């Protein structure tokens, strides 16, 4: 039921009239609305991309299409090459630690830029083995640092007589 107010000359009369099911709308928060708008925009871009990609394109084999709306926002005035091209392609690179030649595949690039939301101006610089070593080195350095902080806090506690 909804309240319908009709204005007459001098009086206001309220009547109850049943609403159609289509008129009943669930109230939504702004967050829900923003999510719906974002999803709608993404669907629109994907639909547009499919329409563009459905026609014959001279795109090399082994490439993966770019979905620009899924890329992380950037404040740069430039546009990365892969966005301008419209697809990711395999990129060879040399590991900066061990010097071995590697290939950063189009699928890996798509994951980095669109799923992990990596910066669009970054590229792969280390091979998988060197990345693991670098992660382990950083984790060890972080562990040592946190242990040092814990010791320092323990020494500066009141009643210990020692202050750092």
Protein backbone atom coordinates (compact mmCIF):
# COMPACT_ATOMS: atom_id res chain seq x y z
CA UNK A 1 0.00 0.00 0.00
CA UNK A 2 1.18 3.49 -0.67
CA UNK A 3 -0.17 6.79 0.42
CA UNK A 4 -1.45 8.93 -2.42
CA UNK A 5 -2.08 12.55 -1.59
CA UNK A 6 -4.44 14.52 -3.82
CA UNK A 7 -4.73 18.26 -3.58
CA UNK A 8 -8.19 19.75 -3.88
CA UNK A 9 -9.05 23.41 -3.70
CA UNK A 10 -8.95 23.83 0.02
CA UNK A 11 -8.33 20.42 1.47
CA UNK A 12 -5.78 17.72 1.16
CA UNK A 13 -7.21 14.23 0.95
CA UNK A 14 -5.12 11.11 1.52
CA UNK A 15 -6.16 7.79 0.06
CA UNK A 16 -4.54 4.40 0.11
CA UNK A 17 -3.97 2.70 -3.21
CA UNK A 18 -2.21 -0.59 -3.87
CA UNK A 19 1.15 -0.36 -5.60
CA UNK A 20 2.27 -2.56 -8.45
CA UNK A 21 5.12 -4.94 -7.76
CA UNK A 22 7.26 -2.96 -10.17
CA UNK A 23 6.78 0.17 -8.10
CA UNK A 24 8.19 -1.43 -4.95
CA UNK A 25 11.92 -0.81 -4.91
CA UNK A 26 14.27 -1.97 -2.25
CA UNK A 27 16.19 0.86 -0.62
CA UNK A 28 19.90 0.66 -1.28
CA UNK A 29 22.90 2.28 0.29
CA UNK A 30 25.19 4.54 -1.71
CA UNK A 31 27.85 1.83 -1.58
CA UNK A 32 25.45 -0.64 -3.24
CA UNK A 33 24.52 1.92 -5.88
CA UNK A 34 28.21 2.62 -6.62
CA UNK A 35 28.88 -1.11 -6.95
CA UNK A 36 25.94 -1.49 -9.34
CA UNK A 37 27.10 1.47 -11.41
CA UNK A 38 30.65 0.08 -11.54
CA UNK A 39 29.36 -3.35 -12.58
CA UNK A 40 27.14 -1.78 -15.24
CA UNK A 41 30.06 0.22 -16.63
CA UNK A 42 32.23 -2.89 -16.69
CA UNK A 43 29.51 -4.83 -18.54
CA UNK A 44 29.20 -1.98 -21.03
CA UNK A 45 32.96 -1.89 -21.66
CA UNK A 46 33.16 -5.67 -22.01
CA UNK A 47 30.24 -5.60 -24.44
CA UNK A 48 31.89 -2.82 -26.42
CA UNK A 49 35.22 -4.66 -26.39
CA UNK A 50 33.55 -7.84 -27.61
CA UNK A 51 31.92 -5.91 -30.43
CA UNK A 52 35.28 -4.43 -31.41
CA UNK A 53 37.08 -7.76 -31.06
CA UNK A 54 34.42 -9.70 -32.95
CA UNK A 55 35.40 -8.17 -36.25
CA UNK A 56 38.63 -9.28 -37.95
CA UNK A 57 41.65 -7.65 -36.35
CA UNK A 58 45.27 -7.99 -37.34
CA UNK A 59 46.22 -8.96 -33.79
CA UNK A 60 49.10 -11.42 -33.41
CA UNK A 61 48.43 -14.93 -32.15
CA UNK A 62 49.07 -15.40 -28.43
CA UNK A 63 47.96 -11.93 -27.40
CA UNK A 64 45.35 -11.10 -24.78
CA UNK A 65 42.91 -8.18 -25.01
CA UNK A 66 43.09 -5.28 -22.54
CA UNK A 67 40.07 -4.22 -20.48
CA UNK A 68 40.95 -0.57 -19.74
CA UNK A 69 38.30 -0.06 -17.06
CA UNK A 70 39.89 -2.78 -14.91
CA UNK A 71 43.29 -1.07 -14.86
CA UNK A 72 44.47 0.81 -11.79
CA UNK A 73 43.93 4.56 -11.97
CA UNK A 74 47.01 6.59 -12.80
CA UNK A 75 47.75 10.30 -12.67
CA UNK A 76 49.97 10.20 -15.72
CA UNK A 77 49.08 12.08 -18.88
CA UNK A 78 50.50 9.29 -21.03
CA UNK A 79 48.86 6.10 -22.19
CA UNK A 80 50.82 2.83 -21.93
CA UNK A 81 51.63 1.07 -25.21
CA UNK A 82 49.54 -2.01 -24.42
CA UNK A 83 46.44 0.15 -23.81
CA UNK A 84 46.98 2.05 -27.06
CA UNK A 85 47.44 -1.28 -28.90
CA UNK A 86 44.41 -2.83 -27.19
CA UNK A 87 46.15 -6.09 -26.30
CA UNK A 88 48.98 -7.54 -24.22
CA UNK A 89 51.78 -9.33 -26.01
CA UNK A 90 54.67 -11.44 -24.71
CA UNK A 91 57.64 -9.29 -23.69
CA UNK A 92 61.17 -10.61 -23.33
CA UNK A 93 63.27 -9.23 -20.47
CA UNK A 94 66.59 -9.92 -18.73
CA UNK A 95 66.52 -10.65 -14.98
CA UNK A 96 68.30 -7.85 -13.16
CA UNK A 97 69.76 -10.24 -10.54
CA UNK A 98 70.92 -13.34 -12.42
CA UNK A 99 70.84 -12.04 -16.01
CA UNK A 100 68.81 -14.92 -17.46
CA UNK A 101 66.53 -14.17 -20.44
CA UNK A 102 62.83 -14.58 -19.59
CA UNK A 103 59.48 -13.86 -21.25
CA UNK A 104 56.69 -11.98 -19.48
CA UNK A 105 53.65 -13.58 -21.08
CA UNK A 106 50.49 -11.74 -22.10
CA UNK A 107 48.44 -13.72 -19.55
CA UNK A 108 50.88 -12.78 -16.75
CA UNK A 109 50.65 -9.12 -17.79
CA UNK A 110 46.86 -9.22 -17.73
CA UNK A 111 46.93 -10.71 -14.22
CA UNK A 112 49.42 -8.09 -13.01
CA UNK A 113 47.66 -5.06 -14.43
CA UNK A 114 43.97 -6.01 -14.18
CA UNK A 115 43.69 -8.46 -11.27
CA UNK A 116 46.56 -7.50 -8.95
CA UNK A 117 46.07 -3.82 -9.90
CA UNK A 118 49.77 -3.27 -10.55
CA UNK A 119 50.95 0.11 -11.78
CA UNK A 120 50.57 0.36 -15.57
CA UNK A 121 54.08 1.80 -15.92
CA UNK A 122 55.86 -1.19 -14.30
CA UNK A 123 57.35 -4.22 -16.04
CA UNK A 124 58.80 -7.54 -14.96
CA UNK A 125 62.47 -7.22 -13.98
CA UNK A 126 63.20 -10.48 -12.11
CA UNK A 127 62.74 -14.14 -13.03
CA UNK A 128 60.54 -16.31 -10.83
CA UNK A 129 63.46 -17.80 -8.85
CA UNK A 130 64.98 -14.38 -8.13
CA UNK A 131 61.57 -13.00 -7.10
CA UNK A 132 61.25 -15.81 -4.55
CA UNK A 133 64.75 -15.07 -3.23
CA UNK A 134 64.00 -11.35 -2.99
CA UNK A 135 60.74 -12.03 -1.12
CA UNK A 136 62.56 -14.33 1.32
CA UNK A 137 65.32 -11.73 1.83
CA UNK A 138 62.77 -9.00 2.58
CA UNK A 139 60.81 -11.27 4.94
CA UNK A 140 64.00 -12.11 6.86
CA UNK A 141 64.99 -8.43 7.07
CA UNK A 142 61.48 -7.55 8.32
CA UNK A 143 61.63 -10.34 10.94
CA UNK A 144 65.02 -9.14 12.22
CA UNK A 145 63.80 -5.54 12.34
CA UNK A 146 60.65 -6.47 14.31
CA UNK A 147 62.70 -8.57 16.76
CA UNK A 148 64.99 -5.59 17.32
CA UNK A 149 61.98 -3.35 17.99
CA UNK A 150 60.57 -5.88 20.47
CA UNK A 151 63.90 -5.99 22.35
CA UNK A 152 64.07 -2.20 22.38
CA UNK A 153 60.50 -1.96 23.77
CA UNK A 154 61.25 -4.58 26.43
CA UNK A 155 64.31 -2.60 27.57
CA UNK A 156 62.42 0.68 27.81
CA UNK A 157 59.58 -0.70 29.97
CA UNK A 158 59.16 1.01 33.34
CA UNK A 159 60.79 -0.86 36.21
CA UNK A 160 63.63 -2.19 34.10
CA UNK A 161 65.80 0.82 34.93
CA UNK A 162 67.17 1.00 31.40
CA UNK A 163 65.84 3.41 28.81
CA UNK A 164 66.61 3.35 25.18
